[in-house]
N, C-alpha and C. Protein backbone atom coordinates (compact mmCIF):
# COMPACT_ATOMS: atom_id res chain seq x y z
N ASN A 1 0.31 26.73 -6.23
CA ASN A 1 0.82 25.95 -4.47
C ASN A 1 -0.07 26.50 -3.72
N SER A 2 -0.42 25.83 -3.30
CA SER A 2 -1.32 26.23 -1.95
C SER A 2 -0.93 26.53 -0.64
N PHE A 3 0.39 26.00 -0.39
CA PHE A 3 0.94 26.40 0.91
C PHE A 3 1.43 27.51 1.39
N THR A 4 1.15 27.73 2.69
CA THR A 4 1.01 28.99 2.70
C THR A 4 2.70 29.54 4.21
N SER A 5 3.25 28.47 3.83
CA SER A 5 4.23 28.20 4.94
C SER A 5 5.86 27.09 4.24
N GLU A 6 6.46 27.05 4.66
CA GLU A 6 6.91 26.13 4.53
C GLU A 6 7.03 24.88 5.16
N ILE A 7 7.06 23.74 3.76
CA ILE A 7 6.71 22.72 4.48
C ILE A 7 7.88 21.48 5.12
N LEU A 8 7.08 21.34 6.65
CA LEU A 8 8.04 20.97 7.50
C LEU A 8 8.52 19.11 7.13
N GLN A 9 7.70 18.57 6.58
CA GLN A 9 7.41 17.21 6.40
C GLN A 9 5.48 16.41 5.84
N PHE A 10 6.01 15.73 4.98
CA PHE A 10 4.73 14.95 4.10
C PHE A 10 5.09 13.39 4.49
N LEU A 11 3.75 12.42 4.14
CA LEU A 11 4.16 11.72 4.59
C LEU A 11 2.44 10.64 3.51
N ALA A 12 3.26 10.11 2.43
CA ALA A 12 2.29 9.14 2.37
C ALA A 12 1.58 7.97 2.72
N VAL A 13 -0.11 8.06 2.83
CA VAL A 13 -0.47 7.14 3.60
C VAL A 13 -1.77 6.72 2.48
N GLY A 14 -2.21 5.58 2.12
CA GLY A 14 -3.21 5.27 1.48
C GLY A 14 -3.11 6.02 0.22
N ASP A 15 -4.77 6.56 0.36
CA ASP A 15 -4.48 7.12 -1.28
C ASP A 15 -4.66 8.81 -0.67
N ILE A 16 -3.96 9.65 0.78
CA ILE A 16 -3.49 10.44 0.74
C ILE A 16 -2.13 10.56 1.59
N LEU A 17 -1.51 12.25 0.96
CA LEU A 17 -1.17 12.59 1.34
C LEU A 17 -1.14 14.06 2.25
N ILE A 18 -0.02 13.44 3.88
CA ILE A 18 0.00 14.48 4.49
C ILE A 18 0.66 15.60 4.53
N VAL A 19 0.26 17.07 5.07
CA VAL A 19 1.66 17.78 4.61
C VAL A 19 1.34 18.32 6.03
N LEU A 20 3.03 18.42 6.76
CA LEU A 20 2.24 19.47 7.53
C LEU A 20 3.97 21.00 7.87
N CYS A 21 2.89 21.87 7.79
CA CYS A 21 3.45 22.95 7.60
C CYS A 21 4.11 24.07 8.55
N GLU A 22 5.36 25.15 8.33
CA GLU A 22 5.30 25.62 9.50
C GLU A 22 4.65 26.52 10.69
N ASP A 23 3.63 26.88 9.48
CA ASP A 23 2.63 27.69 10.39
C ASP A 23 1.53 27.39 10.74
N LYS A 24 1.60 25.58 11.30
CA LYS A 24 0.72 25.42 11.88
C LYS A 24 -0.34 24.30 11.08
N LYS A 25 -0.24 24.52 9.92
CA LYS A 25 -1.45 24.26 9.06
C LYS A 25 -1.26 22.35 8.41
N LEU A 26 -1.92 21.45 8.14
CA LEU A 26 -2.23 20.23 7.90
C LEU A 26 -3.01 20.12 7.06
N TYR A 27 -1.91 19.60 6.11
CA TYR A 27 -3.35 19.27 4.71
C TYR A 27 -3.44 18.18 4.39
N VAL A 28 -4.62 18.05 4.47
CA VAL A 28 -4.82 15.78 3.84
C VAL A 28 -5.13 15.75 2.28
N ILE A 29 -4.39 16.06 1.31
CA ILE A 29 -4.39 15.86 0.24
C ILE A 29 -4.73 14.20 -0.74
N GLU A 30 -5.85 13.99 -1.47
CA GLU A 30 -6.18 13.84 -2.73
C GLU A 30 -4.64 13.21 -3.62
N GLN A 31 -3.57 11.66 -3.55
CA GLN A 31 -2.65 11.47 -4.64
C GLN A 31 -3.28 11.75 -5.54
N GLN A 32 -3.83 11.54 -6.06
CA GLN A 32 -4.50 10.90 -7.71
C GLN A 32 -4.51 12.29 -7.94
N THR A 33 -5.34 12.88 -7.70
CA THR A 33 -6.24 14.48 -8.30
C THR A 33 -5.49 15.61 -7.91
N GLY A 34 -5.04 15.75 -6.69
CA GLY A 34 -4.20 16.66 -5.64
C GLY A 34 -4.91 17.90 -5.35
N PHE A 35 -6.08 17.08 -5.94
CA PHE A 35 -7.40 17.42 -4.40
C PHE A 35 -7.45 17.86 -3.07
N ILE A 36 -7.80 18.78 -2.09
CA ILE A 36 -7.42 19.21 -0.91
C ILE A 36 -8.33 19.12 0.32
N ARG A 37 -8.18 17.58 1.01
CA ARG A 37 -9.45 17.48 1.60
C ARG A 37 -9.51 18.38 2.89
N SER A 38 -8.61 18.77 3.39
CA SER A 38 -8.66 19.70 4.55
C SER A 38 -7.80 21.02 4.86
N ILE A 39 -7.67 21.61 5.07
CA ILE A 39 -6.37 22.26 5.65
C ILE A 39 -6.80 22.66 7.52
N GLN A 40 -6.25 21.75 7.89
CA GLN A 40 -6.69 22.06 9.44
C GLN A 40 -4.91 23.40 10.44
N THR A 41 -5.91 23.50 10.93
CA THR A 41 -4.95 24.31 11.59
C THR A 41 -4.86 24.42 13.15
N LEU A 42 -3.30 23.65 13.75
CA LEU A 42 -3.53 23.11 14.93
C LEU A 42 -3.32 23.37 15.64
N ASP A 43 -3.40 23.68 17.11
CA ASP A 43 -3.47 23.90 18.13
C ASP A 43 -2.03 24.74 19.01
N PHE A 44 -1.10 23.95 18.50
CA PHE A 44 0.54 24.00 18.94
C PHE A 44 0.90 24.02 17.65
N GLU A 45 2.49 24.17 18.26
CA GLU A 45 3.38 24.16 16.80
C GLU A 45 3.79 22.72 16.91
N ALA A 46 3.54 22.14 16.01
CA ALA A 46 3.90 20.42 15.51
C ALA A 46 5.44 20.67 14.55
N TYR A 47 6.74 19.95 14.81
CA TYR A 47 7.36 19.70 14.21
C TYR A 47 7.20 18.40 13.51
N TYR A 48 6.56 17.31 13.37
CA TYR A 48 6.60 16.07 13.09
C TYR A 48 6.26 15.54 13.63
N PHE A 49 5.50 14.21 12.68
CA PHE A 49 4.33 13.19 12.70
C PHE A 49 4.95 12.35 12.55
N MET A 50 3.88 11.08 12.61
CA MET A 50 3.66 9.80 12.07
C MET A 50 2.37 9.11 12.19
N HIS A 51 2.40 8.13 10.97
CA HIS A 51 1.28 7.27 11.03
C HIS A 51 0.79 6.26 11.52
N PRO A 52 0.58 5.57 12.93
CA PRO A 52 0.75 4.07 13.74
C PRO A 52 0.24 2.80 12.61
N VAL A 53 0.91 2.35 12.22
CA VAL A 53 0.06 1.21 12.00
C VAL A 53 -1.10 0.66 12.71
N SER A 54 -2.17 0.51 11.48
CA SER A 54 -3.64 -0.01 12.01
C SER A 54 -4.50 1.09 12.74
N TYR A 55 -3.78 2.94 12.78
CA TYR A 55 -4.41 3.10 13.15
C TYR A 55 -5.20 4.12 12.05
N LEU A 56 -6.44 3.75 11.97
CA LEU A 56 -7.05 4.71 10.93
C LEU A 56 -7.34 5.95 11.16
N ASN A 57 -6.79 6.92 9.90
CA ASN A 57 -7.40 8.71 10.11
C ASN A 57 -6.40 8.67 11.00
N LYS A 58 -5.56 8.07 11.45
CA LYS A 58 -4.95 9.07 12.94
C LYS A 58 -3.27 9.26 12.62
N ILE A 59 -2.95 10.38 13.01
CA ILE A 59 -1.45 10.53 13.68
C ILE A 59 -0.68 10.47 14.73
N ILE A 60 -0.16 10.72 15.01
CA ILE A 60 0.91 11.27 15.71
C ILE A 60 1.90 12.38 16.06
N LEU A 61 1.23 13.37 17.31
CA LEU A 61 2.28 14.23 16.20
C LEU A 61 2.93 14.46 17.69
N ALA A 62 4.05 15.65 17.10
CA ALA A 62 5.26 15.66 18.08
C ALA A 62 5.47 17.46 17.94
N GLY A 63 5.67 18.17 19.30
CA GLY A 63 6.05 19.65 18.63
C GLY A 63 6.73 20.13 19.91
N GLU A 64 6.28 21.38 20.23
CA GLU A 64 6.89 22.44 20.85
C GLU A 64 6.94 22.04 22.09
N GLY A 65 7.71 22.28 23.08
CA GLY A 65 7.51 22.21 24.43
C GLY A 65 7.51 20.80 24.97
N ASN A 66 7.53 19.53 23.33
CA ASN A 66 7.74 18.38 23.50
C ASN A 66 6.00 17.58 23.98
N SER A 67 4.79 18.49 23.08
CA SER A 67 3.77 18.33 23.31
C SER A 67 3.73 16.73 22.30
N LEU A 68 3.21 15.91 22.91
CA LEU A 68 3.07 14.39 21.85
C LEU A 68 0.95 14.12 21.71
N GLN A 69 0.83 14.04 20.70
CA GLN A 69 -1.20 13.67 20.73
C GLN A 69 -1.27 12.96 19.24
N ILE A 70 -2.57 12.08 19.79
CA ILE A 70 -2.60 11.67 18.49
C ILE A 70 -3.57 12.13 18.38
N TYR A 71 -3.76 12.74 16.54
CA TYR A 71 -5.12 13.36 15.86
C TYR A 71 -5.32 12.32 15.02
N ASN A 72 -6.80 12.96 14.74
CA ASN A 72 -7.90 12.76 14.17
C ASN A 72 -7.84 13.10 12.75
N ILE A 73 -6.93 13.22 11.63
CA ILE A 73 -7.00 13.62 10.64
C ILE A 73 -8.71 13.71 10.11
N GLU A 74 -9.50 13.38 9.97
CA GLU A 74 -10.93 12.95 9.56
C GLU A 74 -11.46 13.96 10.57
N ALA A 75 -11.93 13.67 11.37
CA ALA A 75 -12.56 14.18 12.34
C ALA A 75 -12.03 15.50 13.20
N GLN A 76 -10.62 15.97 12.54
CA GLN A 76 -10.16 16.99 12.65
C GLN A 76 -9.88 17.88 14.53
N LYS A 77 -9.57 16.92 14.77
CA LYS A 77 -9.59 16.80 16.58
C LYS A 77 -8.74 16.27 16.99
N VAL A 78 -8.32 16.16 18.36
CA VAL A 78 -7.31 15.64 19.13
C VAL A 78 -8.01 14.80 19.48
N ILE A 79 -7.43 13.63 19.68
CA ILE A 79 -8.08 11.65 20.72
C ILE A 79 -7.48 11.89 21.77
N TYR A 80 -6.18 12.17 22.05
CA TYR A 80 -5.20 11.81 23.17
C TYR A 80 -3.92 12.31 23.25
N ASN A 81 -4.12 13.20 24.14
CA ASN A 81 -2.79 14.52 24.77
C ASN A 81 -2.11 13.82 25.82
N PHE A 82 -0.79 13.32 25.39
CA PHE A 82 0.42 12.75 26.59
C PHE A 82 0.55 13.47 27.47
N LYS A 83 0.40 13.84 28.72
CA LYS A 83 0.53 15.20 30.12
C LYS A 83 1.98 14.77 30.31
N ASN A 84 2.96 15.48 30.74
CA ASN A 84 3.96 15.28 31.85
C ASN A 84 5.04 14.36 31.09
N ILE A 85 4.95 14.05 29.97
CA ILE A 85 5.83 13.65 28.66
C ILE A 85 7.23 14.10 28.86
N THR A 86 7.52 15.42 29.29
CA THR A 86 8.42 15.96 29.45
C THR A 86 9.12 16.19 30.62
N LYS A 87 8.99 15.86 31.62
CA LYS A 87 9.02 15.22 32.89
C LYS A 87 9.95 13.97 32.54
N LYS A 88 9.09 12.93 32.03
CA LYS A 88 9.51 11.85 31.57
C LYS A 88 10.75 11.66 30.63
N LEU A 89 11.12 12.66 29.75
CA LEU A 89 12.29 12.68 28.85
C LEU A 89 13.16 13.19 29.32
N ASN A 90 13.29 13.44 30.22
CA ASN A 90 14.53 14.27 31.22
C ASN A 90 14.82 16.01 30.20
N GLY A 91 13.83 16.79 29.62
CA GLY A 91 13.37 17.55 29.12
C GLY A 91 14.24 17.68 27.54
N ALA A 92 14.53 16.42 26.87
CA ALA A 92 15.46 16.14 25.75
C ALA A 92 13.93 16.24 24.38
N ARG A 93 14.38 17.14 23.84
CA ARG A 93 13.65 16.96 22.35
C ARG A 93 13.21 15.91 21.29
N ILE A 94 12.11 15.82 21.69
CA ILE A 94 12.00 14.98 20.28
C ILE A 94 12.16 15.02 19.34
N LEU A 95 12.87 13.83 18.33
CA LEU A 95 13.17 14.41 17.50
C LEU A 95 12.29 13.35 16.09
N THR A 96 12.21 12.30 16.44
CA THR A 96 11.85 11.11 15.54
C THR A 96 10.60 10.05 16.05
N ILE A 97 9.06 9.86 15.67
CA ILE A 97 8.74 9.01 15.83
C ILE A 97 8.76 7.81 15.12
N GLU A 98 8.67 6.64 15.53
CA GLU A 98 9.09 5.59 14.63
C GLU A 98 7.97 4.35 15.30
N GLN A 99 7.63 3.62 14.56
CA GLN A 99 6.52 2.54 14.35
C GLN A 99 7.66 1.27 14.93
N SER A 100 7.33 0.66 16.31
CA SER A 100 7.86 -0.40 16.30
C SER A 100 7.25 -1.89 16.00
N PRO A 101 8.14 -2.59 15.82
CA PRO A 101 6.88 -4.21 15.73
C PRO A 101 5.85 -4.46 16.14
N LEU A 102 5.05 -4.12 16.72
CA LEU A 102 3.93 -4.12 17.80
C LEU A 102 3.13 -3.36 17.37
N VAL A 103 2.29 -3.91 17.48
CA VAL A 103 0.40 -2.76 17.32
C VAL A 103 0.58 -2.06 18.55
N ASP A 104 0.34 -0.69 18.76
CA ASP A 104 0.08 0.20 19.65
C ASP A 104 1.14 0.58 20.44
N ILE A 105 2.98 -0.08 19.72
CA ILE A 105 3.73 0.98 20.52
C ILE A 105 4.70 1.56 19.24
N VAL A 106 5.00 2.76 19.97
CA VAL A 106 6.85 3.50 18.91
C VAL A 106 7.62 3.80 19.63
N ALA A 107 8.59 4.16 19.01
CA ALA A 107 9.30 4.61 20.02
C ALA A 107 9.46 6.05 19.48
N LEU A 108 10.39 7.00 20.37
CA LEU A 108 10.83 8.17 20.37
C LEU A 108 11.96 8.45 20.55
N GLY A 109 12.55 9.45 19.31
CA GLY A 109 13.90 9.77 18.75
C GLY A 109 14.03 10.86 19.56
N LEU A 110 15.33 10.85 20.44
CA LEU A 110 15.69 11.76 21.08
C LEU A 110 16.66 13.17 20.99
N GLU A 111 16.50 14.20 21.12
CA GLU A 111 17.79 15.24 21.23
C GLU A 111 19.05 14.13 21.34
N SER A 112 18.95 13.88 22.35
CA SER A 112 20.24 13.27 23.83
C SER A 112 20.47 12.13 23.60
């Protein structure tokens, strides 16, 4: 067992498995072999992620304080950080992110 804390979420994308853990670690694992391609430490406490359709190597992370980021799992860096999202959501916590039928558009499921 390579995980150092509780698993919050995992998602199969193509030939990899992306695993988000409670200790801010993001694992990228080859599904066939179990080989861990990378273990990345995030700079904030993420609690949910999704993989947008047609975005190669990218996920959207939601986390503490309603942080919302587009993150490249291959380059291991933040591509875009959505600023002031908390004001736009009236303080409601993001619980889920889902792909819409349209490319480049996702829906946020909120606590309220």
